[in-house]
PDB file of N, CA and C in Angstrom:
ATOM      1  N   MET A   1      22.340   2.520  -5.426  1.00  0.00           N
ATOM      2  CA  MET A   1      22.515   2.092  -4.042  1.00  0.00           C
ATOM      3  C   MET A   1      21.515   2.844  -3.158  1.00  0.00           C
ATOM      4  N   VAL A   2      20.786   2.115  -2.370  1.00  0.00           N
ATOM      5  CA  VAL A   2      19.852   2.695  -1.411  1.00  0.00           C
ATOM      6  C   VAL A   2      20.556   2.685  -0.054  1.00  0.00           C
ATOM      7  N   LYS A   3      20.598   3.838   0.567  1.00  0.00           N
ATOM      8  CA  LYS A   3      21.363   3.998   1.804  1.00  0.00           C
ATOM      9  C   LYS A   3      20.569   3.608   3.051  1.00  0.00           C
ATOM     10  N   LYS A   4      21.276   3.130   4.039  1.00  0.00           N
ATOM     11  CA  LYS A   4      20.712   2.819   5.340  1.00  0.00           C
ATOM     12  C   LYS A   4      19.954   4.047   5.852  1.00  0.00           C
ATOM     13  N   GLY A   5      18.772   3.824   6.434  1.00  0.00           N
ATOM     14  CA  GLY A   5      17.975   4.904   6.994  1.00  0.00           C
ATOM     15  C   GLY A   5      16.928   5.468   6.047  1.00  0.00           C
ATOM     16  N   GLU A   6      17.014   5.102   4.738  1.00  0.00           N
ATOM     17  CA  GLU A   6      16.014   5.577   3.767  1.00  0.00           C
ATOM     18  C   GLU A   6      14.659   4.931   4.058  1.00  0.00           C
ATOM     19  N   TRP A   7      13.578   5.675   3.753  1.00  0.00           N
ATOM     20  CA  TRP A   7      12.211   5.158   3.876  1.00  0.00           C
ATOM     21  C   TRP A   7      11.929   4.325   2.629  1.00  0.00           C
ATOM     22  N   VAL A   8      11.584   3.042   2.815  1.00  0.00           N
ATOM     23  CA  VAL A   8      11.439   2.123   1.687  1.00  0.00           C
ATOM     24  C   VAL A   8      10.194   1.261   1.841  1.00  0.00           C
ATOM     25  N   ARG A   9       9.870   0.543   0.762  1.00  0.00           N
ATOM     26  CA  ARG A   9       8.779  -0.436   0.791  1.00  0.00           C
ATOM     27  C   ARG A   9       9.355  -1.789   0.418  1.00  0.00           C
ATOM     28  N   ILE A  10       8.949  -2.820   1.170  1.00  0.00           N
ATOM     29  CA  ILE A  10       9.405  -4.185   0.908  1.00  0.00           C
ATOM     30  C   ILE A  10       8.204  -5.093   0.670  1.00  0.00           C
ATOM     31  N   HIS A  11       8.491  -6.263   0.134  1.00  0.00           N
ATOM     32  CA  HIS A  11       7.473  -7.293  -0.093  1.00  0.00           C
ATOM     33  C   HIS A  11       7.984  -8.593   0.505  1.00  0.00           C
ATOM     34  N   SER A  12       7.063  -9.337   1.129  1.00  0.00           N
ATOM     35  CA  SER A  12       7.436 -10.648   1.654  1.00  0.00           C
ATOM     36  C   SER A  12       6.245 -11.598   1.587  1.00  0.00           C
ATOM     37  N   ILE A  13       6.554 -12.881   1.618  1.00  0.00           N
ATOM     38  CA  ILE A  13       5.531 -13.925   1.674  1.00  0.00           C
ATOM     39  C   ILE A  13       5.410 -14.340   3.136  1.00  0.00           C
ATOM     40  N   VAL A  14       4.229 -14.104   3.712  1.00  0.00           N
ATOM     41  CA  VAL A  14       3.991 -14.457   5.110  1.00  0.00           C
ATOM     42  C   VAL A  14       3.731 -15.956   5.235  1.00  0.00           C
ATOM     43  N   LEU A  15       2.881 -16.481   4.354  1.00  0.00           N
ATOM     44  CA  LEU A  15       2.594 -17.918   4.317  1.00  0.00           C
ATOM     45  C   LEU A  15       2.559 -18.377   2.869  1.00  0.00           C
ATOM     46  N   LYS A  16       3.214 -19.495   2.579  1.00  0.00           N
ATOM     47  CA  LYS A  16       3.108 -20.095   1.255  1.00  0.00           C
ATOM     48  C   LYS A  16       1.706 -20.681   1.111  1.00  0.00           C
ATOM     49  N   ALA A  17       1.267 -20.890  -0.113  1.00  0.00           N
ATOM     50  CA  ALA A  17      -0.090 -21.394  -0.361  1.00  0.00           C
ATOM     51  C   ALA A  17      -0.357 -22.685   0.419  1.00  0.00           C
ATOM     52  N   GLU A  18       0.611 -23.584   0.427  1.00  0.00           N
ATOM     53  CA  GLU A  18       0.405 -24.869   1.109  1.00  0.00           C
ATOM     54  C   GLU A  18       0.396 -24.753   2.631  1.00  0.00           C
ATOM     55  N   GLU A  19       0.803 -23.615   3.173  1.00  0.00           N
ATOM     56  CA  GLU A  19       0.810 -23.403   4.627  1.00  0.00           C
ATOM     57  C   GLU A  19      -0.481 -22.760   5.135  1.00  0.00           C
ATOM     58  N   ARG A  20      -1.351 -22.331   4.214  1.00  0.00           N
ATOM     59  CA  ARG A  20      -2.571 -21.630   4.614  1.00  0.00           C
ATOM     60  C   ARG A  20      -3.621 -22.608   5.112  1.00  0.00           C
ATOM     61  N   THR A  21      -4.511 -22.143   5.974  1.00  0.00           N
ATOM     62  CA  THR A  21      -5.546 -22.980   6.565  1.00  0.00           C
ATOM     63  C   THR A  21      -6.544 -23.483   5.527  1.00  0.00           C
ATOM     64  N   ALA A  22      -7.092 -24.662   5.777  1.00  0.00           N
ATOM     65  CA  ALA A  22      -8.085 -25.257   4.887  1.00  0.00           C
ATOM     66  C   ALA A  22      -9.443 -24.580   5.042  1.00  0.00           C
ATOM     67  N   LYS A  23      -9.596 -23.716   6.023  1.00  0.00           N
ATOM     68  CA  LYS A  23     -10.871 -23.040   6.263  1.00  0.00           C
ATOM     69  C   LYS A  23     -11.115 -21.874   5.309  1.00  0.00           C
ATOM     70  N   LEU A  24     -10.128 -21.555   4.485  1.00  0.00           N
ATOM     71  CA  LEU A  24     -10.264 -20.460   3.514  1.00  0.00           C
ATOM     72  C   LEU A  24     -10.995 -20.943   2.269  1.00  0.00           C
ATOM     73  N   PRO A  25     -11.602 -20.022   1.513  1.00  0.00           N
ATOM     74  CA  PRO A  25     -12.175 -20.424   0.219  1.00  0.00           C
ATOM     75  C   PRO A  25     -11.093 -21.053  -0.655  1.00  0.00           C
ATOM     76  N   GLU A  26     -11.488 -21.976  -1.524  1.00  0.00           N
ATOM     77  CA  GLU A  26     -10.537 -22.743  -2.325  1.00  0.00           C
ATOM     78  C   GLU A  26      -9.604 -21.860  -3.148  1.00  0.00           C
ATOM     79  N   ASP A  27     -10.141 -20.815  -3.786  1.00  0.00           N
ATOM     80  CA  ASP A  27      -9.285 -19.964  -4.615  1.00  0.00           C
ATOM     81  C   ASP A  27      -8.277 -19.189  -3.770  1.00  0.00           C
ATOM     82  N   THR A  28      -8.644 -18.841  -2.540  1.00  0.00           N
ATOM     83  CA  THR A  28      -7.739 -18.133  -1.636  1.00  0.00           C
ATOM     84  C   THR A  28      -6.638 -19.071  -1.135  1.00  0.00           C
ATOM     85  N   GLN A  29      -6.987 -20.317  -0.876  1.00  0.00           N
ATOM     86  CA  GLN A  29      -6.005 -21.302  -0.411  1.00  0.00           C
ATOM     87  C   GLN A  29      -4.866 -21.485  -1.406  1.00  0.00           C
ATOM     88  N   LYS A  30      -5.129 -21.266  -2.682  1.00  0.00           N
ATOM     89  CA  LYS A  30      -4.133 -21.485  -3.731  1.00  0.00           C
ATOM     90  C   LYS A  30      -3.108 -20.361  -3.827  1.00  0.00           C
ATOM     91  N   CYS A  31      -3.344 -19.265  -3.116  1.00  0.00           N
ATOM     92  CA  CYS A  31      -2.466 -18.092  -3.199  1.00  0.00           C
ATOM     93  C   CYS A  31      -1.665 -17.920  -1.914  1.00  0.00           C
ATOM     94  N   PRO A  32      -0.431 -17.465  -2.030  1.00  0.00           N
ATOM     95  CA  PRO A  32       0.332 -17.173  -0.815  1.00  0.00           C
ATOM     96  C   PRO A  32      -0.239 -15.937  -0.115  1.00  0.00           C
ATOM     97  N   LEU A  33      -0.013 -15.829   1.174  1.00  0.00           N
ATOM     98  CA  LEU A  33      -0.375 -14.627   1.917  1.00  0.00           C
ATOM     99  C   LEU A  33       0.825 -13.687   1.817  1.00  0.00           C
ATOM    100  N   GLU A  34       0.623 -12.543   1.162  1.00  0.00           N
ATOM    101  CA  GLU A  34       1.708 -11.605   0.892  1.00  0.00           C
ATOM    102  C   GLU A  34       1.582 -10.364   1.770  1.00  0.00           C
ATOM    103  N   MET A  35       2.719  -9.687   1.977  1.00  0.00           N
ATOM    104  CA  MET A  35       2.733  -8.464   2.781  1.00  0.00           C
ATOM    105  C   MET A  35       3.642  -7.437   2.117  1.00  0.00           C
ATOM    106  N   TRP A  36       3.158  -6.213   2.036  1.00  0.00           N
ATOM    107  CA  TRP A  36       3.947  -5.070   1.594  1.00  0.00           C
ATOM    108  C   TRP A  36       4.050  -4.147   2.793  1.00  0.00           C
ATOM    109  N   THR A  37       5.258  -3.766   3.154  1.00  0.00           N
ATOM    110  CA  THR A  37       5.491  -2.995   4.367  1.00  0.00           C
ATOM    111  C   THR A  37       6.467  -1.865   4.083  1.00  0.00           C
ATOM    112  N   LYS A  38       6.263  -0.740   4.789  1.00  0.00           N
ATOM    113  CA  LYS A  38       7.186   0.392   4.654  1.00  0.00           C
ATOM    114  C   LYS A  38       7.957   0.575   5.953  1.00  0.00           C
ATOM    115  N   GLY A  39       9.180   1.074   5.835  1.00  0.00           N
ATOM    116  CA  GLY A  39       9.985   1.325   7.011  1.00  0.00           C
ATOM    117  C   GLY A  39      11.360   1.859   6.637  1.00  0.00           C
ATOM    118  N   PHE A  40      12.210   1.960   7.650  1.00  0.00           N
ATOM    119  CA  PHE A  40      13.560   2.494   7.468  1.00  0.00           C
ATOM    120  C   PHE A  40      14.544   1.359   7.218  1.00  0.00           C
ATOM    121  N   LEU A  41      15.260   1.457   6.107  1.00  0.00           N
ATOM    122  CA  LEU A  41      16.233   0.441   5.714  1.00  0.00           C
ATOM    123  C   LEU A  41      17.335   0.348   6.767  1.00  0.00           C
ATOM    124  N   GLN A  42      17.705  -0.875   7.138  1.00  0.00           N
ATOM    125  CA  GLN A  42      18.676  -1.086   8.207  1.00  0.00           C
ATOM    126  C   GLN A  42      20.118  -1.250   7.722  1.00  0.00           C
ATOM    127  N   ALA A  43      20.322  -1.393   6.402  1.00  0.00           N
ATOM    128  CA  ALA A  43      21.675  -1.497   5.830  1.00  0.00           C
ATOM    129  C   ALA A  43      21.593  -1.114   4.358  1.00  0.00           C
ATOM    130  N   ASP A  44      22.675  -0.588   3.803  1.00  0.00           N
ATOM    131  CA  ASP A  44      22.713  -0.235   2.379  1.00  0.00           C
ATOM    132  C   ASP A  44      22.304  -1.448   1.539  1.00  0.00           C
ATOM    133  N   ALA A  45      21.597  -1.206   0.434  1.00  0.00           N
ATOM    134  CA  ALA A  45      21.126  -2.311  -0.407  1.00  0.00           C
ATOM    135  C   ALA A  45      20.790  -1.802  -1.802  1.00  0.00           C
ATOM    136  N   GLU A  46      20.453  -2.725  -2.678  1.00  0.00           N
ATOM    137  CA  GLU A  46      19.993  -2.429  -4.035  1.00  0.00           C
ATOM    138  C   GLU A  46      18.548  -2.911  -4.158  1.00  0.00           C
ATOM    139  N   ILE A  47      17.790  -2.292  -5.064  1.00  0.00           N
ATOM    140  CA  ILE A  47      16.432  -2.751  -5.339  1.00  0.00           C
ATOM    141  C   ILE A  47      16.497  -4.230  -5.725  1.00  0.00           C
ATOM    142  N   GLY A  48      15.624  -5.035  -5.142  1.00  0.00           N
ATOM    143  CA  GLY A  48      15.609  -6.474  -5.399  1.00  0.00           C
ATOM    144  C   GLY A  48      16.338  -7.297  -4.348  1.00  0.00           C
ATOM    145  N   ASP A  49      17.149  -6.648  -3.508  1.00  0.00           N
ATOM    146  CA  ASP A  49      17.860  -7.360  -2.440  1.00  0.00           C
ATOM    147  C   ASP A  49      16.906  -7.733  -1.308  1.00  0.00           C
ATOM    148  N   GLU A  50      17.249  -8.790  -0.586  1.00  0.00           N
ATOM    149  CA  GLU A  50      16.550  -9.135   0.651  1.00  0.00           C
ATOM    150  C   GLU A  50      17.098  -8.224   1.737  1.00  0.00           C
ATOM    151  N   VAL A  51      16.199  -7.493   2.416  1.00  0.00           N
ATOM    152  CA  VAL A  51      16.627  -6.484   3.378  1.00  0.00           C
ATOM    153  C   VAL A  51      15.833  -6.582   4.671  1.00  0.00           C
ATOM    154  N   THR A  52      16.287  -5.828   5.656  1.00  0.00           N
ATOM    155  CA  THR A  52      15.593  -5.679   6.930  1.00  0.00           C
ATOM    156  C   THR A  52      15.233  -4.208   7.081  1.00  0.00           C
ATOM    157  N   ILE A  53      14.003  -3.962   7.556  1.00  0.00           N
ATOM    158  CA  ILE A  53      13.567  -2.591   7.821  1.00  0.00           C
ATOM    159  C   ILE A  53      13.050  -2.480   9.244  1.00  0.00           C
ATOM    160  N   MET A  54      12.978  -1.247   9.746  1.00  0.00           N
ATOM    161  CA  MET A  54      12.294  -0.968  11.001  1.00  0.00           C
ATOM    162  C   MET A  54      11.081  -0.112  10.656  1.00  0.00           C
ATOM    163  N   THR A  55       9.890  -0.600  10.995  1.00  0.00           N
ATOM    164  CA  THR A  55       8.664   0.109  10.666  1.00  0.00           C
ATOM    165  C   THR A  55       8.480   1.308  11.591  1.00  0.00           C
ATOM    166  N   ALA A  56       7.476   2.121  11.295  1.00  0.00           N
ATOM    167  CA  ALA A  56       7.161   3.270  12.139  1.00  0.00           C
ATOM    168  C   ALA A  56       6.747   2.836  13.545  1.00  0.00           C
ATOM    169  N   ALA A  57       6.265   1.606  13.666  1.00  0.00           N
ATOM    170  CA  ALA A  57       5.873   1.062  14.974  1.00  0.00           C
ATOM    171  C   ALA A  57       7.024   0.312  15.643  1.00  0.00           C
ATOM    172  N   ASN A  58       8.244   0.494  15.112  1.00  0.00           N
ATOM    173  CA  ASN A  58       9.458  -0.131  15.645  1.00  0.00           C
ATOM    174  C   ASN A  58       9.461  -1.653  15.560  1.00  0.00           C
ATOM    175  N   ARG A  59       8.765  -2.207  14.571  1.00  0.00           N
ATOM    176  CA  ARG A  59       8.837  -3.639  14.289  1.00  0.00           C
ATOM    177  C   ARG A  59       9.942  -3.872  13.273  1.00  0.00           C
ATOM    178  N   ILE A  60      10.647  -4.974  13.402  1.00  0.00           N
ATOM    179  CA  ILE A  60      11.655  -5.376  12.423  1.00  0.00           C
ATOM    180  C   ILE A  60      10.987  -6.337  11.443  1.00  0.00           C
ATOM    181  N   GLU A  61      11.100  -6.044  10.146  1.00  0.00           N
ATOM    182  CA  GLU A  61      10.537  -6.901   9.108  1.00  0.00           C
ATOM    183  C   GLU A  61      11.597  -7.157   8.052  1.00  0.00           C
ATOM    184  N   LYS A  62      11.486  -8.322   7.396  1.00  0.00           N
ATOM    185  CA  LYS A  62      12.410  -8.683   6.319  1.00  0.00           C
ATOM    186  C   LYS A  62      11.621  -8.907   5.047  1.00  0.00           C
ATOM    187  N   GLY A  63      12.240  -8.569   3.908  1.00  0.00           N
ATOM    188  CA  GLY A  63      11.589  -8.790   2.630  1.00  0.00           C
ATOM    189  C   GLY A  63      12.445  -8.292   1.486  1.00  0.00           C
ATOM    190  N   THR A  64      11.865  -8.323   0.292  1.00  0.00           N
ATOM    191  CA  THR A  64      12.548  -7.878  -0.925  1.00  0.00           C
ATOM    192  C   THR A  64      12.334  -6.381  -1.090  1.00  0.00           C
ATOM    193  N   LEU A  65      13.416  -5.639  -1.259  1.00  0.00           N
ATOM    194  CA  LEU A  65      13.352  -4.193  -1.425  1.00  0.00           C
ATOM    195  C   LEU A  65      12.713  -3.850  -2.766  1.00  0.00           C
ATOM    196  N   LEU A  66      11.608  -3.075  -2.723  1.00  0.00           N
ATOM    197  CA  LEU A  66      10.873  -2.718  -3.934  1.00  0.00           C
ATOM    198  C   LEU A  66      11.113  -1.287  -4.387  1.00  0.00           C
ATOM    199  N   GLU A  67      11.031  -0.326  -3.446  1.00  0.00           N
ATOM    200  CA  GLU A  67      11.159   1.075  -3.856  1.00  0.00           C
ATOM    201  C   GLU A  67      11.588   1.958  -2.688  1.00  0.00           C
ATOM    202  N   VAL A  68      12.110   3.118  -3.056  1.00  0.00           N
ATOM    203  CA  VAL A  68      12.569   4.112  -2.092  1.00  0.00           C
ATOM    204  C   VAL A  68      11.554   5.254  -2.060  1.00  0.00           C
ATOM    205  N   ASN A  69      11.292   5.792  -0.891  1.00  0.00           N
ATOM    206  CA  ASN A  69      10.337   6.888  -0.710  1.00  0.00           C
ATOM    207  C   ASN A  69       9.005   6.594  -1.389  1.00  0.00           C
ATOM    208  N   PRO A  70       8.337   5.489  -1.007  1.00  0.00           N
ATOM    209  CA  PRO A  70       7.076   5.111  -1.637  1.00  0.00           C
ATOM    210  C   PRO A  70       5.985   6.150  -1.355  1.00  0.00           C
ATOM    211  N   TYR A  71       5.067   6.266  -2.287  1.00  0.00           N
ATOM    212  CA  TYR A  71       3.931   7.176  -2.122  1.00  0.00           C
ATOM    213  C   TYR A  71       2.729   6.587  -2.846  1.00  0.00           C
ATOM    214  N   TRP A  72       1.547   7.083  -2.479  1.00  0.00           N
ATOM    215  CA  TRP A  72       0.318   6.612  -3.106  1.00  0.00           C
ATOM    216  C   TRP A  72       0.273   7.102  -4.541  1.00  0.00           C
ATOM    217  N   LYS A  73      -0.064   6.223  -5.464  1.00  0.00           N
ATOM    218  CA  LYS A  73      -0.095   6.562  -6.878  1.00  0.00           C
ATOM    219  C   LYS A  73      -1.511   6.516  -7.454  1.00  0.00           C
ATOM    220  N   HIS A  74      -2.499   6.280  -6.610  1.00  0.00           N
ATOM    221  CA  HIS A  74      -3.871   6.212  -7.114  1.00  0.00           C
ATOM    222  C   HIS A  74      -4.521   7.601  -7.102  1.00  0.00           C
ATOM    223  N   SER A  75      -5.617   7.719  -7.792  1.00  0.00           N
ATOM    224  CA  SER A  75      -6.382   8.961  -7.795  1.00  0.00           C
ATOM    225  C   SER A  75      -7.863   8.609  -7.879  1.00  0.00           C
ATOM    226  N   TYR A  76      -8.698   9.624  -7.863  1.00  0.00           N
ATOM    227  CA  TYR A  76     -10.132   9.408  -8.001  1.00  0.00           C
ATOM    228  C   TYR A  76     -10.572   9.663  -9.439  1.00  0.00           C
ATOM    229  N   GLY A  77      -9.644   9.686 -10.364  1.00  0.00           N
ATOM    230  CA  GLY A  77      -9.955   9.852 -11.764  1.00  0.00           C
ATOM    231  C   GLY A  77      -9.906  11.300 -12.208  1.00  0.00           C
ATOM    232  N   LYS A  78     -10.256  11.523 -13.471  1.00  0.00           N
ATOM    233  CA  LYS A  78     -10.222  12.850 -14.061  1.00  0.00           C
ATOM    234  C   LYS A  78     -11.433  13.670 -13.632  1.00  0.00           C
ATOM    235  N   PHE A  79     -11.295  14.960 -13.750  1.00  0.00           N
ATOM    236  CA  PHE A  79     -12.364  15.896 -13.425  1.00  0.00           C
ATOM    237  C   PHE A  79     -13.578  15.630 -14.307  1.00  0.00           C
ATOM    238  N   ILE A  80     -14.770  15.646 -13.694  1.00  0.00           N
ATOM    239  CA  ILE A  80     -16.021  15.442 -14.419  1.00  0.00           C
ATOM    240  C   ILE A  80     -16.863  16.699 -14.245  1.00  0.00           C
ATOM    241  N   PRO A  81     -16.972  17.537 -15.282  1.00  0.00           N
ATOM    242  CA  PRO A  81     -17.680  18.814 -15.169  1.00  0.00           C
ATOM    243  C   PRO A  81     -19.125  18.679 -14.691  1.00  0.00           C
ATOM    244  N   GLU A  82     -19.788  17.601 -15.056  1.00  0.00           N
ATOM    245  CA  GLU A  82     -21.186  17.411 -14.652  1.00  0.00           C
ATOM    246  C   GLU A  82     -21.342  17.351 -13.134  1.00  0.00           C
ATOM    247  N   LEU A  83     -20.305  16.903 -12.439  1.00  0.00           N
ATOM    248  CA  LEU A  83     -20.407  16.806 -10.990  1.00  0.00           C
ATOM    249  C   LEU A  83     -20.512  18.171 -10.330  1.00  0.00           C
ATOM    250  N   VAL A  84     -19.959  19.209 -10.948  1.00  0.00           N
ATOM    251  CA  VAL A  84     -20.089  20.569 -10.412  1.00  0.00           C
ATOM    252  C   VAL A  84     -21.556  20.992 -10.453  1.00  0.00           C
ATOM    253  N   GLN A  85     -22.229  20.685 -11.557  1.00  0.00           N
ATOM    254  CA  GLN A  85     -23.641  21.033 -11.690  1.00  0.00           C
ATOM    255  C   GLN A  85     -24.492  20.222 -10.703  1.00  0.00           C
ATOM    256  N   ILE A  86     -24.164  18.958 -10.545  1.00  0.00           N
ATOM    257  CA  ILE A  86     -24.886  18.122  -9.586  1.00  0.00           C
ATOM    258  C   ILE A  86     -24.707  18.661  -8.182  1.00  0.00           C
ATOM    259  N   ASP A  87     -23.489  19.092  -7.846  1.00  0.00           N
ATOM    260  CA  ASP A  87     -23.217  19.681  -6.530  1.00  0.00           C
ATOM    261  C   ASP A  87     -24.094  20.913  -6.300  1.00  0.00           C
ATOM    262  N   LYS A  88     -24.171  21.780  -7.284  1.00  0.00           N
ATOM    263  CA  LYS A  88     -25.005  22.985  -7.162  1.00  0.00           C
ATOM    264  C   LYS A  88     -26.471  22.617  -6.964  1.00  0.00           C
ATOM    265  N   GLN A  89     -26.971  21.673  -7.764  1.00  0.00           N
ATOM    266  CA  GLN A  89     -28.369  21.253  -7.643  1.00  0.00           C
ATOM    267  C   GLN A  89     -28.645  20.640  -6.268  1.00  0.00           C
ATOM    268  N   LEU A  90     -27.739  19.811  -5.809  1.00  0.00           N
ATOM    269  CA  LEU A  90     -27.902  19.158  -4.511  1.00  0.00           C
ATOM    270  C   LEU A  90     -27.924  20.177  -3.381  1.00  0.00           C
ATOM    271  N   ARG A  91     -27.013  21.152  -3.431  1.00  0.00           N
ATOM    272  CA  ARG A  91     -26.983  22.195  -2.405  1.00  0.00           C
ATOM    273  C   ARG A  91     -28.280  23.016  -2.415  1.00  0.00           C
ATOM    274  N   GLU A  92     -28.811  23.292  -3.590  1.00  0.00           N
ATOM    275  CA  GLU A  92     -30.064  24.030  -3.698  1.00  0.00           C
ATOM    276  C   GLU A  92     -31.208  23.232  -3.066  1.00  0.00           C
ATOM    277  N   ILE A  93     -31.264  21.947  -3.362  1.00  0.00           N
ATOM    278  CA  ILE A  93     -32.320  21.105  -2.810  1.00  0.00           C
ATOM    279  C   ILE A  93     -32.185  20.988  -1.295  1.00  0.00           C
ATOM    280  N   MET A  94     -30.977  20.747  -0.819  1.00  0.00           N
ATOM    281  CA  MET A  94     -30.784  20.484   0.608  1.00  0.00           C
ATOM    282  C   MET A  94     -30.761  21.739   1.466  1.00  0.00           C
ATOM    283  N   TYR A  95     -30.151  22.804   0.970  1.00  0.00           N
ATOM    284  CA  TYR A  95     -29.908  23.958   1.819  1.00  0.00           C
ATOM    285  C   TYR A  95     -30.534  25.250   1.278  1.00  0.00           C
ATOM    286  N   GLY A  96     -31.144  25.213   0.125  1.00  0.00           N
ATOM    287  CA  GLY A  96     -31.745  26.412  -0.420  1.00  0.00           C
ATOM    288  C   GLY A  96     -30.754  27.339  -1.099  1.00  0.00           C
ATOM    289  N   GLY A  97     -29.574  26.865  -1.473  1.00  0.00           N
ATOM    290  CA  GLY A  97     -28.580  27.703  -2.161  1.00  0.00           C
ATOM    291  C   GLY A  97     -27.165  27.283  -1.859  1.00  0.00           C
ATOM    292  N   ASP A  98     -26.171  28.060  -2.346  1.00  0.00           N
ATOM    293  CA  ASP A  98     -24.751  27.798  -2.112  1.00  0.00           C
ATOM    294  C   ASP A  98     -24.405  28.005  -0.649  1.00  0.00           C
ATOM    295  N   LYS A  99     -23.651  27.115  -0.095  1.00  0.00           N
ATOM    296  CA  LYS A  99     -23.150  27.242   1.282  1.00  0.00           C
ATOM    297  C   LYS A  99     -21.784  26.682   1.372  1.00  0.00           C
TER     298      LYS A  99
END
C-alpha cells in the first residue's frame, strides 16, 4: 500500500495516436504522446492503480502509479583509467601543469 502524501511517479497517455496532428512525421503519428510525472499521491493506492497526484508546481495530474520515491537510475558508465591520463595531458597542454 502506498500512502497518501508519498512522492511517486505516474504514467499517462496525453494523446492517443489517432488524436495526434498530421503535421508530425509518419512514425511519430503512429505513437501515443506519453507523459511520466512525479508528485505527491492524493489518496492511498497500490502500484498499477489509476491515481491523482499534486506536482511540485501544484498541478493536479492523473495517471497509472508506477513507483514510490523515484530516482535517477542512469550513470555515465564505468571508470575509464585512460581518461585520467588524458586529463593530465590536456591540463599540461592548456595550463602548463596540474591545476
